[in-house]
């Protein structure tokens, strides 16, 4: 057995399994690495990839370079504001009346919550509600940062605002409403930030992705710069221009129009962030399931473990056996809701009750499966903190 497995096995002894955990030593190292990679730019923490109030507070307290939160739901932003967080940017448009009223209540109380828009219909609905609530609602425009190459759309289908003209038109619509204020722009280049480009055993695919990234980066950076310049020339004062993600700090910070970077997955480092040429980080989060039986020599079966990630269905969305090293899922079964069979490498044996450690494919989604996170530091569990689920919160 490896020293890492033995360390976690000792730390988790006596804990009820399955259990999710965060290694604070690895987390703090990842936070320091993000600060180094960001250079002089502040970093906004992406809550979707964290989903734990205690971890958000720890990250913000670790350095003044971490400033503000990027939320995935207006209701989430309102709830976090009620807990004392401020400077909240909601990254996805929403026109749910109850959620917007919750945001309005926090804005009236003096919190800063910026809502995202990419269309006139959203603007008009938010303006109507803000007027009824007696507030001036700050907004940000979501700028599409995909690249279209001949025969290929490189990126995600996100915002219809694809450049200067569309951004100016939307900004003009916002300016028509006294109950609204344009405060920022977000340009998230997901095809750069969220695609691994140095995957072992996928040399050709990785080379193609690196080539596409090299073609995309200057084009999208220039589009973001030109859009910001046009908005400012038209008289729109932007407090923030948000860009990038964990996988694109090095290329996003080159864009001088960007005032802040965003990062979330870089805290926990799930398996979809294992293989980037520009950086490497330490896994800081995982979950442990208990071995319950051994149906065949070299195979053990664990209780639970079926926690797939969102996105296109495939093996890369499955949780991955982590420790002991060399364990693999059984291809015909994968990770199951109530049981997960795992092949053991030669020389490794596990008995009923032993923990088998997994890593999730995406960061914060693991917290939707657990009410608490065990915090491991110095090789022992030092605290147990609630996830969003443990706090009774579910925003979708």
Protein backbone atom coordinates (compact mmCIF):
# COMPACT_ATOMS: atom_id res chain seq x y z
CA UNK A 1 0.00 0.00 0.00
CA UNK A 2 1.17 3.55 -0.65
CA UNK A 3 1.95 6.06 2.07
CA UNK A 4 -0.90 8.28 0.83
CA UNK A 5 -3.43 5.48 1.22
CA UNK A 6 -2.16 4.58 4.67
CA UNK A 7 -2.35 8.22 5.75
CA UNK A 8 -5.96 8.58 4.65
CA UNK A 9 -6.92 5.17 6.04
CA UNK A 10 -5.64 6.22 9.46
CA UNK A 11 -7.37 9.59 9.20
CA UNK A 12 -10.71 8.01 8.26
CA UNK A 13 -10.60 5.23 10.84
CA UNK A 14 -13.83 5.22 12.80
CA UNK A 15 -15.67 7.51 10.36
CA UNK A 16 -18.97 6.42 8.87
CA UNK A 17 -18.61 5.57 5.18
CA UNK A 18 -19.32 6.66 2.50
CA UNK A 19 -17.79 10.01 3.42
CA UNK A 20 -16.51 12.98 1.44
CA UNK A 21 -13.42 14.82 2.57
CA UNK A 22 -11.18 17.78 1.78
CA UNK A 23 -7.45 17.67 2.50
CA UNK A 24 -6.70 21.15 3.85
CA UNK A 25 -2.95 20.83 3.27
CA UNK A 26 -3.55 20.19 -0.45
CA UNK A 27 -6.26 22.85 -0.60
CA UNK A 28 -3.96 25.51 0.83
CA UNK A 29 -1.22 24.54 -1.63
CA UNK A 30 -3.68 24.86 -4.51
CA UNK A 31 -4.83 28.29 -3.30
CA UNK A 32 -1.22 29.45 -3.19
CA UNK A 33 -0.64 28.11 -6.71
CA UNK A 34 -3.70 29.92 -8.06
CA UNK A 35 -2.42 33.18 -6.59
CA UNK A 36 0.95 32.65 -8.22
CA UNK A 37 -0.60 31.85 -11.60
CA UNK A 38 -2.89 34.88 -11.44
CA UNK A 39 -0.02 37.34 -11.16
CA UNK A 40 -1.36 40.70 -10.00
CA UNK A 41 -5.00 40.02 -10.85
CA UNK A 42 -7.61 39.33 -8.15
CA UNK A 43 -9.41 35.99 -8.20
CA UNK A 44 -13.16 35.56 -7.83
CA UNK A 45 -14.08 32.21 -6.29
CA UNK A 46 -16.56 30.08 -8.26
CA UNK A 47 -19.06 28.68 -5.79
CA UNK A 48 -20.39 26.00 -8.17
CA UNK A 49 -17.08 24.18 -7.78
CA UNK A 50 -16.96 24.49 -3.98
CA UNK A 51 -20.51 24.32 -2.49
CA UNK A 52 -19.35 24.55 1.10
CA UNK A 53 -19.55 27.76 3.14
CA UNK A 54 -16.63 26.85 5.39
CA UNK A 55 -14.31 26.24 2.41
CA UNK A 56 -15.41 29.51 0.78
CA UNK A 57 -14.61 31.39 3.98
CA UNK A 58 -11.23 29.68 4.32
CA UNK A 59 -10.26 30.52 0.74
CA UNK A 60 -11.31 34.17 1.05
CA UNK A 61 -9.44 34.50 4.34
CA UNK A 62 -6.27 32.97 2.90
CA UNK A 63 -5.31 36.07 0.90
CA UNK A 64 -6.75 39.47 -0.10
CA UNK A 65 -6.13 38.37 -3.70
CA UNK A 66 -9.31 36.29 -3.42
CA UNK A 67 -12.08 38.84 -3.82
CA UNK A 68 -15.77 38.12 -4.23
CA UNK A 69 -17.79 35.10 -5.32
CA UNK A 70 -19.14 33.91 -8.65
CA UNK A 71 -22.46 32.18 -7.98
CA UNK A 72 -24.52 29.89 -10.17
CA UNK A 73 -28.00 30.87 -8.98
CA UNK A 74 -29.62 34.12 -7.82
CA UNK A 75 -31.16 32.23 -4.89
CA UNK A 76 -27.71 30.95 -3.94
CA UNK A 77 -26.27 34.46 -4.12
CA UNK A 78 -29.08 35.82 -1.92
CA UNK A 79 -28.53 33.05 0.62
CA UNK A 80 -24.77 33.63 0.72
CA UNK A 81 -25.37 37.36 1.10
CA UNK A 82 -27.62 36.64 4.08
CA UNK A 83 -24.64 34.82 5.64
CA UNK A 84 -22.45 37.91 5.31
CA UNK A 85 -20.75 37.36 1.93
CA UNK A 86 -20.58 40.35 -0.40
CA UNK A 87 -19.51 41.22 -3.95
CA UNK A 88 -21.45 38.41 -5.61
CA UNK A 89 -21.61 37.89 -9.37
CA UNK A 90 -24.26 35.47 -10.66
CA UNK A 91 -22.77 33.81 -13.74
CA UNK A 92 -25.95 32.46 -15.34
CA UNK A 93 -29.08 34.39 -16.40
CA UNK A 94 -32.28 33.76 -14.49
CA UNK A 95 -35.72 35.37 -14.41
CA UNK A 96 -37.28 33.31 -11.58
CA UNK A 97 -39.38 35.94 -9.74
CA UNK A 98 -38.92 34.53 -6.23
CA UNK A 99 -35.15 34.28 -6.68
CA UNK A 100 -34.93 37.82 -8.04
CA UNK A 101 -36.98 39.11 -5.10
CA UNK A 102 -34.56 37.41 -2.73
CA UNK A 103 -31.71 39.17 -4.50
CA UNK A 104 -33.57 42.50 -4.32
CA UNK A 105 -33.98 42.11 -0.56
CA UNK A 106 -30.22 41.69 -0.17
CA UNK A 107 -29.49 44.63 -2.49
CA UNK A 108 -31.81 46.79 -0.35
CA UNK A 109 -29.83 45.63 2.69
CA UNK A 110 -26.63 46.95 1.11
CA UNK A 111 -25.15 43.82 -0.44
CA UNK A 112 -23.71 43.88 -3.95
CA UNK A 113 -25.20 41.18 -6.17
CA UNK A 114 -24.67 41.50 -9.93
CA UNK A 115 -27.01 39.51 -12.17
CA UNK A 116 -26.01 38.17 -15.59
CA UNK A 117 -27.94 38.93 -18.80
CA UNK A 118 -27.51 38.18 -22.49
CA UNK A 119 -30.85 39.21 -23.98
CA UNK A 120 -33.38 42.04 -24.00
CA UNK A 121 -36.21 39.87 -22.65
CA UNK A 122 -34.18 39.10 -19.51
CA UNK A 123 -33.34 42.78 -19.07
CA UNK A 124 -36.97 43.82 -19.31
CA UNK A 125 -38.18 41.23 -16.81
CA UNK A 126 -35.47 42.12 -14.29
CA UNK A 127 -36.12 45.84 -14.77
CA UNK A 128 -39.82 45.39 -14.06
CA UNK A 129 -39.18 43.45 -10.87
CA UNK A 130 -36.41 45.80 -9.69
CA UNK A 131 -38.72 48.77 -10.19
CA UNK A 132 -41.43 47.07 -8.15
CA UNK A 133 -38.91 46.25 -5.41
CA UNK A 134 -37.59 49.81 -5.31
CA UNK A 135 -33.97 49.01 -6.12
CA UNK A 136 -31.39 49.63 -8.80
CA UNK A 137 -30.22 46.18 -9.86
CA UNK A 138 -26.61 45.85 -11.09
CA UNK A 139 -26.15 43.74 -14.22
CA UNK A 140 -23.33 42.20 -16.21
CA UNK A 141 -23.33 41.12 -19.84
CA UNK A 142 -22.30 37.57 -20.71
CA UNK A 143 -20.05 37.76 -23.77
CA UNK A 144 -19.82 34.56 -25.82
CA UNK A 145 -16.19 33.45 -26.04
CA UNK A 146 -16.50 30.48 -28.37
CA UNK A 147 -14.52 30.28 -31.59
CA UNK A 148 -16.05 29.23 -34.88
CA UNK A 149 -13.60 27.56 -37.23
CA UNK A 150 -14.50 26.14 -40.66
CA UNK A 151 -16.76 23.19 -39.95
CA UNK A 152 -16.28 23.41 -36.18
CA UNK A 153 -17.73 25.27 -33.21
CA UNK A 154 -14.96 25.32 -30.59
CA UNK A 155 -16.57 26.16 -27.29
CA UNK A 156 -19.98 25.95 -25.61
CA UNK A 157 -23.38 27.23 -26.65
CA UNK A 158 -23.83 29.93 -24.06
CA UNK A 159 -24.57 33.58 -24.88
CA UNK A 160 -25.94 35.12 -28.08
CA UNK A 161 -23.85 38.24 -27.38
CA UNK A 162 -20.92 37.47 -29.65
CA UNK A 163 -19.15 40.80 -30.04
CA UNK A 164 -19.23 44.58 -30.10
CA UNK A 165 -22.52 45.23 -31.88
CA UNK A 166 -24.59 42.82 -29.80
CA UNK A 167 -23.01 44.05 -26.56
CA UNK A 168 -23.66 47.70 -27.41
CA UNK A 169 -27.29 46.95 -28.27
CA UNK A 170 -27.85 45.13 -25.00
CA UNK A 171 -26.07 47.85 -23.02
CA UNK A 172 -28.35 50.44 -24.64
CA UNK A 173 -31.39 48.40 -23.61
CA UNK A 174 -30.10 48.27 -20.02
CA UNK A 175 -29.53 52.04 -20.04
CA UNK A 176 -33.19 52.61 -20.93
CA UNK A 177 -34.29 51.35 -17.51
CA UNK A 178 -33.69 53.56 -14.44
CA UNK A 179 -34.04 50.48 -12.23
CA UNK A 180 -30.95 48.87 -13.78
CA UNK A 181 -27.23 49.65 -13.89
CA UNK A 182 -24.65 48.01 -16.15
CA UNK A 183 -21.73 47.13 -13.93
CA UNK A 184 -19.69 44.49 -15.68
CA UNK A 185 -18.95 42.04 -18.44
CA UNK A 186 -18.00 38.37 -18.23
CA UNK A 187 -16.16 36.57 -20.99
CA UNK A 188 -15.51 32.93 -20.07
CA UNK A 189 -13.44 31.01 -22.61
CA UNK A 190 -14.58 27.53 -21.58
CA UNK A 191 -12.84 25.82 -24.51
CA UNK A 192 -9.50 27.02 -23.10
CA UNK A 193 -10.21 26.86 -19.38
CA UNK A 194 -12.11 23.58 -19.27
CA UNK A 195 -10.43 21.22 -21.74
CA UNK A 196 -7.44 19.11 -20.72
CA UNK A 197 -4.68 19.30 -23.33
CA UNK A 198 -2.01 16.83 -22.17
CA UNK A 199 -3.82 13.56 -21.46
CA UNK A 200 -1.68 10.40 -21.27
CA UNK A 201 -2.57 7.92 -24.01
CA UNK A 202 -4.32 10.63 -26.06
CA UNK A 203 -1.36 12.26 -27.74
CA UNK A 204 -3.13 13.07 -31.02
CA UNK A 205 -6.30 14.40 -29.41
CA UNK A 206 -4.27 16.49 -26.97
CA UNK A 207 -2.18 17.93 -29.80
CA UNK A 208 -5.33 18.91 -31.71
CA UNK A 209 -6.82 20.57 -28.64
CA UNK A 210 -3.61 22.53 -28.05
CA UNK A 211 -3.65 23.67 -31.68
CA UNK A 212 -7.27 24.79 -31.42
CA UNK A 213 -6.52 26.62 -28.19
CA UNK A 214 -3.58 28.44 -29.79
CA UNK A 215 -5.88 29.59 -32.59
CA UNK A 216 -8.74 30.49 -30.25
CA UNK A 217 -6.90 32.43 -27.54
CA UNK A 218 -5.80 35.51 -29.52
CA UNK A 219 -9.16 35.71 -31.30
CA UNK A 220 -11.30 35.62 -28.16
CA UNK A 221 -8.96 37.89 -26.19
CA UNK A 222 -9.18 40.48 -28.94
CA UNK A 223 -12.97 40.17 -29.08
CA UNK A 224 -13.22 40.73 -25.33
CA UNK A 225 -10.84 43.72 -25.49
CA UNK A 226 -12.72 45.28 -28.37
CA UNK A 227 -16.08 44.80 -26.66
CA UNK A 228 -14.89 46.35 -23.41
CA UNK A 229 -13.36 49.29 -25.29
CA UNK A 230 -16.57 49.87 -27.26
CA UNK A 231 -18.73 49.78 -24.13
CA UNK A 232 -16.49 52.28 -22.39
CA UNK A 233 -16.39 54.54 -25.44
CA UNK A 234 -20.20 54.51 -25.44
CA UNK A 235 -20.19 55.80 -21.86
CA UNK A 236 -20.76 52.56 -19.96
CA UNK A 237 -18.55 52.43 -16.87
CA UNK A 238 -17.62 48.83 -16.08
CA UNK A 239 -16.59 48.04 -12.53
CA UNK A 240 -15.53 44.51 -13.43
CA UNK A 241 -14.45 42.51 -16.45
CA UNK A 242 -14.32 38.85 -15.49
CA UNK A 243 -12.52 36.23 -17.52
CA UNK A 244 -11.04 32.79 -17.52
CA UNK A 245 -11.14 29.79 -15.26
CA UNK A 246 -8.73 27.45 -13.52
CA UNK A 247 -7.43 26.09 -16.82
CA UNK A 248 -6.79 29.41 -18.56
CA UNK A 249 -5.11 31.80 -16.10
CA UNK A 250 -1.96 32.05 -18.19
CA UNK A 251 -3.76 33.11 -21.40
CA UNK A 252 -6.59 35.14 -19.86
CA UNK A 253 -4.35 37.41 -17.82
CA UNK A 254 -2.67 38.53 -21.05
CA UNK A 255 -5.88 40.36 -21.95
CA UNK A 256 -5.39 43.83 -20.44
CA UNK A 257 -9.14 44.50 -20.40
CA UNK A 258 -9.69 41.76 -17.79
CA UNK A 259 -9.88 43.09 -14.22
CA UNK A 260 -10.30 39.74 -12.45
CA UNK A 261 -9.96 36.01 -12.98
CA UNK A 262 -12.34 33.28 -11.80
CA UNK A 263 -11.43 29.91 -10.31
CA UNK A 264 -13.26 27.10 -8.57
CA UNK A 265 -12.09 23.69 -9.78
CA UNK A 266 -8.53 24.65 -8.90
CA UNK A 267 -9.36 24.32 -5.22
CA UNK A 268 -10.45 20.67 -5.12
CA UNK A 269 -8.87 19.60 -8.45
CA UNK A 270 -11.21 16.89 -9.78
CA UNK A 271 -10.10 14.37 -12.38
CA UNK A 272 -11.15 16.56 -15.34
CA UNK A 273 -8.34 18.94 -14.36
CA UNK A 274 -5.53 16.39 -14.08
CA UNK A 275 -3.76 16.88 -17.38
CA UNK A 276 -3.02 20.47 -18.45
CA UNK A 277 0.31 21.39 -19.98
CA UNK A 278 0.34 24.85 -18.36
CA UNK A 279 -0.03 23.75 -14.73
CA UNK A 280 -0.45 20.86 -12.32
CA UNK A 281 -2.20 20.81 -8.95
CA UNK A 282 -2.82 18.42 -6.08
CA UNK A 283 -6.09 16.55 -5.61
CA UNK A 284 -7.64 18.04 -2.48
CA UNK A 285 -11.07 16.41 -2.36
CA UNK A 286 -12.38 12.90 -2.61
CA UNK A 287 -14.72 10.39 -1.10
CA UNK A 288 -14.22 7.09 0.65
CA UNK A 289 -16.47 4.05 0.34
CA UNK A 290 -16.25 0.88 2.38
CA UNK A 291 -15.28 -2.47 0.93
CA UNK A 292 -18.11 -4.89 1.70
CA UNK A 293 -17.21 -8.13 -0.13
CA UNK A 294 -14.95 -9.82 -2.66
CA UNK A 295 -16.91 -11.64 -5.41
CA UNK A 296 -13.78 -12.90 -7.19
CA UNK A 297 -10.03 -12.90 -6.51
CA UNK A 298 -8.68 -9.46 -7.39
CA UNK A 299 -12.11 -7.75 -7.22
CA UNK A 300 -13.75 -6.06 -4.25
CA UNK A 301 -17.21 -4.56 -4.08
CA UNK A 302 -17.82 -1.29 -2.28
CA UNK A 303 -20.99 0.21 -0.80
CA UNK A 304 -22.17 3.16 -2.89
CA UNK A 305 -19.93 5.21 -5.16
CA UNK A 306 -22.24 5.93 -8.10
CA UNK A 307 -21.73 9.67 -8.29
CA UNK A 308 -21.37 10.59 -11.97
CA UNK A 309 -20.69 14.16 -13.10
CA UNK A 310 -22.73 16.26 -15.49
CA UNK A 311 -21.80 16.74 -19.13
CA UNK A 312 -21.65 14.36 -22.08
CA UNK A 313 -22.01 10.78 -20.91
CA UNK A 314 -18.75 8.88 -20.91
CA UNK A 315 -16.12 7.18 -18.81
CA UNK A 316 -14.47 10.52 -18.01
CA UNK A 317 -17.64 11.54 -16.11
CA UNK A 318 -17.40 8.57 -13.77
CA UNK A 319 -15.70 8.87 -10.39
CA UNK A 320 -12.26 7.34 -10.52
CA UNK A 321 -10.69 4.96 -7.99
CA UNK A 322 -7.78 6.87 -6.49
CA UNK A 323 -6.21 5.03 -3.56
CA UNK A 324 -4.85 2.39 -3.32
CA UNK A 325 -3.14 3.28 -6.59
CA UNK A 326 -3.85 1.12 -9.61
CA UNK A 327 -7.47 0.26 -8.77
CA UNK A 328 -9.90 0.45 -11.70
CA UNK A 329 -13.63 0.28 -12.30
CA UNK A 330 -15.15 -2.74 -14.01
CA UNK A 331 -16.08 -1.44 -17.46
CA UNK A 332 -19.35 -3.39 -17.70
CA UNK A 333 -20.64 -2.00 -14.40
CA UNK A 334 -18.99 1.35 -13.73
CA UNK A 335 -19.80 3.10 -10.46
CA UNK A 336 -23.15 2.00 -9.05
CA UNK A 337 -25.63 3.74 -6.78
CA UNK A 338 -25.63 1.02 -4.13
CA UNK A 339 -22.49 -0.94 -4.99
CA UNK A 340 -19.35 -0.49 -7.06
CA UNK A 341 -17.02 -3.35 -8.02
CA UNK A 342 -13.35 -2.43 -8.32
CA UNK A 343 -10.41 -4.39 -9.74
CA UNK A 344 -7.37 -4.40 -7.50
CA UNK A 345 -3.82 -4.32 -8.85
CA UNK A 346 -1.41 -7.15 -8.15
CA UNK A 347 -0.11 -7.08 -4.61
CA UNK A 348 -3.03 -5.10 -3.18
CA UNK A 349 -5.66 -6.69 -0.94
CA UNK A 350 -8.53 -5.02 0.87
CA UNK A 351 -10.75 -6.55 3.53
CA UNK A 352 -14.38 -5.76 4.37
CA UNK A 353 -14.50 -2.45 6.18
CA UNK A 354 -11.38 -1.04 4.52
CA UNK A 355 -11.86 2.31 2.77
CA UNK A 356 -11.36 2.67 -0.97
CA UNK A 357 -10.83 6.27 -2.06
CA UNK A 358 -12.31 7.86 -5.17
CA UNK A 359 -12.07 11.25 -6.85
CA UNK A 360 -15.02 12.92 -8.53
CA UNK A 361 -14.84 14.03 -12.17
CA UNK A 362 -16.10 17.57 -11.46
CA UNK A 363 -15.46 19.65 -8.39
CA UNK A 364 -18.48 20.92 -6.47
CA UNK A 365 -20.95 18.35 -7.77
CA UNK A 366 -19.61 15.86 -5.23
CA UNK A 367 -21.14 18.02 -2.49
CA UNK A 368 -24.63 17.38 -3.86
CA UNK A 369 -24.19 13.75 -2.72
CA UNK A 370 -23.01 14.42 0.84
CA UNK A 371 -24.29 16.50 3.74
CA UNK A 372 -20.84 17.05 5.21
CA UNK A 373 -17.17 17.23 4.39
CA UNK A 374 -14.53 15.79 6.66
CA UNK A 375 -11.61 18.22 6.87
CA UNK A 376 -8.28 16.40 6.97
CA UNK A 377 -5.14 18.22 8.08
CA UNK A 378 -1.81 16.81 9.13
CA UNK A 379 -3.09 13.29 8.51
CA UNK A 380 -6.14 13.49 10.78
CA UNK A 381 -9.74 14.69 10.65
CA UNK A 382 -9.79 18.09 12.37
CA UNK A 383 -13.39 19.16 11.67
CA UNK A 384 -16.64 18.26 9.96
CA UNK A 385 -18.44 21.03 8.04
CA UNK A 386 -21.74 21.07 6.15
CA UNK A 387 -21.99 21.19 2.38
CA UNK A 388 -24.79 23.19 0.78
CA UNK A 389 -26.89 20.03 1.12
CA UNK A 390 -26.02 19.81 4.79
CA UNK A 391 -27.18 23.40 5.19
CA UNK A 392 -30.51 22.36 3.65
CA UNK A 393 -29.86 24.16 0.38
CA UNK A 394 -30.51 22.94 -3.16
CA UNK A 395 -30.55 25.58 -5.88
CA UNK A 396 -31.67 23.48 -8.87
